[in-house]
Amino acid sequence: MVRGNTVFTPNMNVLFEFGYFYGHFGKQKVAMLKYGEFYLPSDLGGYIHINGSRFFKRSAVVQIGKRTGTEFGKWIAQL
């Protein structure tokens, strides 16, 4: 719960490991793929985000959409 609202949050272990990647590879080489709507702590707001499919469902297989492929391609091209 955040401020009285029930919200989905990323797994804390995943965020911890994200910190290792970020520290080792640097800001420009690490991106967070964001599927669906979830609460992202404000201290992670400055990281590179790639938006995933709008049709995300927890525990389901979802094909990568055009928007995700396009955003990922733009990010890779910058490297």
N, C-alpha and C. Protein backbone atom coordinates (compact mmCIF):
# COMPACT_ATOMS: atom_id res chain seq x y z
N MET A 1 0.83 -1.18 0.00
CA MET A 1 0.00 0.00 0.00
C MET A 1 0.88 1.25 0.00
N VAL A 2 0.48 2.19 -0.80
CA VAL A 2 1.16 3.48 -0.86
C VAL A 2 0.11 4.55 -0.65
N ARG A 3 0.28 5.30 0.42
CA ARG A 3 -0.67 6.37 0.76
C ARG A 3 -2.12 5.90 0.75
N GLY A 4 -2.35 4.72 1.30
CA GLY A 4 -3.70 4.20 1.41
C GLY A 4 -4.23 3.50 0.17
N ASN A 5 -3.46 3.47 -0.90
CA ASN A 5 -3.89 2.82 -2.16
C ASN A 5 -3.13 1.52 -2.36
N THR A 6 -3.84 0.50 -2.79
CA THR A 6 -3.19 -0.76 -3.13
C THR A 6 -2.57 -0.61 -4.52
N VAL A 7 -1.27 -0.87 -4.63
CA VAL A 7 -0.57 -0.74 -5.91
C VAL A 7 0.33 -1.94 -6.14
N PHE A 8 0.63 -2.23 -7.40
CA PHE A 8 1.61 -3.25 -7.75
C PHE A 8 2.99 -2.62 -7.64
N THR A 9 3.93 -3.35 -7.06
CA THR A 9 5.30 -2.85 -6.94
C THR A 9 6.25 -3.89 -7.52
N PRO A 10 7.38 -3.43 -8.07
CA PRO A 10 8.38 -4.39 -8.57
C PRO A 10 8.95 -5.21 -7.41
N ASN A 11 9.38 -6.42 -7.70
CA ASN A 11 10.01 -7.27 -6.71
C ASN A 11 11.28 -6.58 -6.21
N MET A 12 11.43 -6.49 -4.90
CA MET A 12 12.58 -5.78 -4.33
C MET A 12 13.91 -6.43 -4.69
N ASN A 13 13.94 -7.76 -4.84
CA ASN A 13 15.16 -8.43 -5.24
C ASN A 13 15.57 -8.03 -6.66
N VAL A 14 14.59 -7.86 -7.53
CA VAL A 14 14.86 -7.43 -8.91
C VAL A 14 15.43 -6.01 -8.89
N LEU A 15 14.85 -5.13 -8.09
CA LEU A 15 15.37 -3.76 -8.00
C LEU A 15 16.79 -3.74 -7.44
N PHE A 16 17.06 -4.60 -6.47
CA PHE A 16 18.40 -4.70 -5.90
C PHE A 16 19.40 -5.13 -6.97
N GLU A 17 19.05 -6.14 -7.75
CA GLU A 17 19.92 -6.61 -8.82
C GLU A 17 20.07 -5.57 -9.93
N PHE A 18 19.01 -4.83 -10.20
CA PHE A 18 19.08 -3.73 -11.16
C PHE A 18 20.17 -2.75 -10.74
N GLY A 19 20.27 -2.49 -9.44
CA GLY A 19 21.31 -1.60 -8.92
C GLY A 19 22.71 -2.11 -9.23
N TYR A 20 22.93 -3.42 -9.16
CA TYR A 20 24.23 -3.99 -9.51
C TYR A 20 24.55 -3.75 -10.99
N PHE A 21 23.59 -4.03 -11.87
CA PHE A 21 23.79 -3.80 -13.30
C PHE A 21 24.11 -2.33 -13.56
N TYR A 22 23.33 -1.46 -12.96
CA TYR A 22 23.50 -0.02 -13.15
C TYR A 22 24.89 0.43 -12.69
N GLY A 23 25.31 -0.07 -11.54
CA GLY A 23 26.61 0.29 -11.01
C GLY A 23 27.76 -0.23 -11.85
N HIS A 24 27.60 -1.41 -12.41
CA HIS A 24 28.68 -2.02 -13.19
C HIS A 24 28.75 -1.48 -14.62
N PHE A 25 27.60 -1.41 -15.31
CA PHE A 25 27.58 -1.04 -16.72
C PHE A 25 27.39 0.45 -16.97
N GLY A 26 26.79 1.17 -16.02
CA GLY A 26 26.56 2.61 -16.19
C GLY A 26 25.18 2.93 -16.74
N LYS A 27 24.80 4.18 -16.58
CA LYS A 27 23.45 4.64 -16.91
C LYS A 27 23.06 4.41 -18.37
N GLN A 28 23.95 4.65 -19.30
CA GLN A 28 23.59 4.57 -20.72
C GLN A 28 23.42 3.15 -21.23
N LYS A 29 23.94 2.15 -20.49
CA LYS A 29 23.87 0.77 -20.97
C LYS A 29 22.87 -0.10 -20.22
N VAL A 30 22.08 0.51 -19.35
CA VAL A 30 21.08 -0.25 -18.59
C VAL A 30 19.73 0.44 -18.73
N ALA A 31 18.72 -0.32 -19.10
CA ALA A 31 17.36 0.22 -19.21
C ALA A 31 16.40 -0.71 -18.49
N MET A 32 15.31 -0.14 -18.06
CA MET A 32 14.27 -0.89 -17.37
C MET A 32 13.09 -1.03 -18.32
N LEU A 33 12.68 -2.26 -18.59
CA LEU A 33 11.52 -2.51 -19.44
C LEU A 33 10.30 -2.51 -18.54
N LYS A 34 9.38 -1.60 -18.79
CA LYS A 34 8.23 -1.40 -17.91
C LYS A 34 6.97 -1.93 -18.60
N TYR A 35 6.45 -3.05 -18.08
CA TYR A 35 5.22 -3.64 -18.58
C TYR A 35 4.08 -3.35 -17.61
N GLY A 36 3.00 -2.84 -18.11
CA GLY A 36 1.83 -2.61 -17.27
C GLY A 36 1.99 -1.40 -16.36
N GLU A 37 0.99 -1.22 -15.53
CA GLU A 37 1.01 -0.11 -14.59
C GLU A 37 1.44 -0.62 -13.22
N PHE A 38 2.47 -0.02 -12.66
CA PHE A 38 2.90 -0.36 -11.31
C PHE A 38 3.56 0.85 -10.68
N TYR A 39 3.65 0.82 -9.38
CA TYR A 39 4.25 1.90 -8.63
C TYR A 39 5.77 1.78 -8.73
N LEU A 40 6.41 2.83 -9.17
CA LEU A 40 7.86 2.87 -9.26
C LEU A 40 8.36 3.90 -8.27
N PRO A 41 9.19 3.49 -7.31
CA PRO A 41 9.69 4.45 -6.33
C PRO A 41 10.34 5.65 -7.01
N SER A 42 10.18 6.81 -6.42
CA SER A 42 10.65 8.06 -7.04
C SER A 42 12.15 8.08 -7.27
N ASP A 43 12.93 7.36 -6.48
CA ASP A 43 14.37 7.36 -6.70
C ASP A 43 14.78 6.58 -7.94
N LEU A 44 13.84 5.91 -8.60
CA LEU A 44 14.12 5.22 -9.86
C LEU A 44 13.60 5.99 -11.06
N GLY A 45 13.09 7.19 -10.84
CA GLY A 45 12.51 7.99 -11.91
C GLY A 45 13.51 8.47 -12.95
N GLY A 46 14.78 8.58 -12.62
CA GLY A 46 15.77 9.09 -13.55
C GLY A 46 16.40 8.05 -14.45
N TYR A 47 16.02 6.81 -14.30
CA TYR A 47 16.60 5.75 -15.11
C TYR A 47 15.92 5.69 -16.47
N ILE A 48 16.57 5.04 -17.42
CA ILE A 48 16.01 4.87 -18.75
C ILE A 48 14.91 3.82 -18.69
N HIS A 49 13.72 4.17 -19.17
CA HIS A 49 12.58 3.26 -19.19
C HIS A 49 12.17 2.98 -20.63
N ILE A 50 11.89 1.73 -20.93
CA ILE A 50 11.32 1.34 -22.21
C ILE A 50 9.94 0.79 -21.89
N ASN A 51 8.92 1.38 -22.47
CA ASN A 51 7.55 0.94 -22.19
C ASN A 51 7.23 -0.32 -22.96
N GLY A 52 6.67 -1.30 -22.24
CA GLY A 52 6.26 -2.55 -22.84
C GLY A 52 4.83 -2.49 -23.33
N SER A 53 4.30 -3.63 -23.67
CA SER A 53 2.95 -3.73 -24.21
C SER A 53 1.90 -3.21 -23.24
N ARG A 54 0.90 -2.55 -23.78
CA ARG A 54 -0.22 -2.08 -22.96
C ARG A 54 -1.12 -3.24 -22.56
N PHE A 55 -0.96 -4.37 -23.22
CA PHE A 55 -1.82 -5.53 -22.99
C PHE A 55 -1.20 -6.54 -22.04
N PHE A 56 -0.26 -6.09 -21.22
CA PHE A 56 0.42 -6.95 -20.27
C PHE A 56 -0.56 -7.56 -19.27
N LYS A 57 -0.39 -8.84 -18.98
CA LYS A 57 -1.15 -9.51 -17.94
C LYS A 57 -0.15 -10.32 -17.12
N ARG A 58 -0.24 -10.17 -15.82
CA ARG A 58 0.67 -10.92 -14.94
C ARG A 58 0.56 -12.42 -15.22
N SER A 59 1.71 -13.09 -15.22
CA SER A 59 1.81 -14.54 -15.42
C SER A 59 1.31 -15.00 -16.79
N ALA A 60 1.34 -14.12 -17.78
CA ALA A 60 0.92 -14.49 -19.13
C ALA A 60 2.04 -14.18 -20.11
N VAL A 61 2.06 -14.89 -21.20
CA VAL A 61 3.03 -14.65 -22.26
C VAL A 61 2.43 -13.61 -23.20
N VAL A 62 3.17 -12.54 -23.44
CA VAL A 62 2.69 -11.46 -24.30
C VAL A 62 3.73 -11.21 -25.38
N GLN A 63 3.30 -11.17 -26.62
CA GLN A 63 4.20 -10.90 -27.72
C GLN A 63 4.70 -9.46 -27.64
N ILE A 64 5.94 -9.24 -28.00
CA ILE A 64 6.50 -7.88 -28.00
C ILE A 64 5.80 -7.08 -29.09
N GLY A 65 5.25 -5.95 -28.71
CA GLY A 65 4.52 -5.11 -29.64
C GLY A 65 5.42 -4.18 -30.42
N LYS A 66 4.84 -3.48 -31.39
CA LYS A 66 5.60 -2.54 -32.23
C LYS A 66 6.23 -1.43 -31.40
N ARG A 67 5.45 -0.88 -30.44
CA ARG A 67 5.96 0.22 -29.63
C ARG A 67 7.20 -0.21 -28.83
N THR A 68 7.14 -1.39 -28.23
CA THR A 68 8.27 -1.88 -27.45
C THR A 68 9.49 -2.08 -28.35
N GLY A 69 9.28 -2.71 -29.50
CA GLY A 69 10.37 -2.93 -30.44
C GLY A 69 10.98 -1.63 -30.93
N THR A 70 10.15 -0.65 -31.19
CA THR A 70 10.63 0.65 -31.66
C THR A 70 11.45 1.35 -30.60
N GLU A 71 10.91 1.40 -29.38
CA GLU A 71 11.63 2.07 -28.29
C GLU A 71 12.94 1.36 -27.97
N PHE A 72 12.93 0.02 -27.98
CA PHE A 72 14.15 -0.73 -27.73
C PHE A 72 15.17 -0.47 -28.82
N GLY A 73 14.72 -0.43 -30.08
CA GLY A 73 15.60 -0.15 -31.20
C GLY A 73 16.24 1.22 -31.11
N LYS A 74 15.47 2.22 -30.69
CA LYS A 74 16.04 3.57 -30.52
C LYS A 74 17.10 3.59 -29.43
N TRP A 75 16.82 2.88 -28.34
CA TRP A 75 17.79 2.84 -27.24
C TRP A 75 19.09 2.14 -27.66
N ILE A 76 18.96 1.02 -28.36
CA ILE A 76 20.14 0.28 -28.84
C ILE A 76 20.94 1.14 -29.82
N ALA A 77 20.26 1.88 -30.68
CA ALA A 77 20.95 2.70 -31.68
C ALA A 77 21.81 3.78 -31.01
N GLN A 78 21.43 4.23 -29.82
CA GLN A 78 22.20 5.25 -29.12
C GLN A 78 23.51 4.72 -28.57
N LEU A 79 23.57 3.39 -28.36
CA LEU A 79 24.78 2.80 -27.79
C LEU A 79 25.83 2.80 -28.84
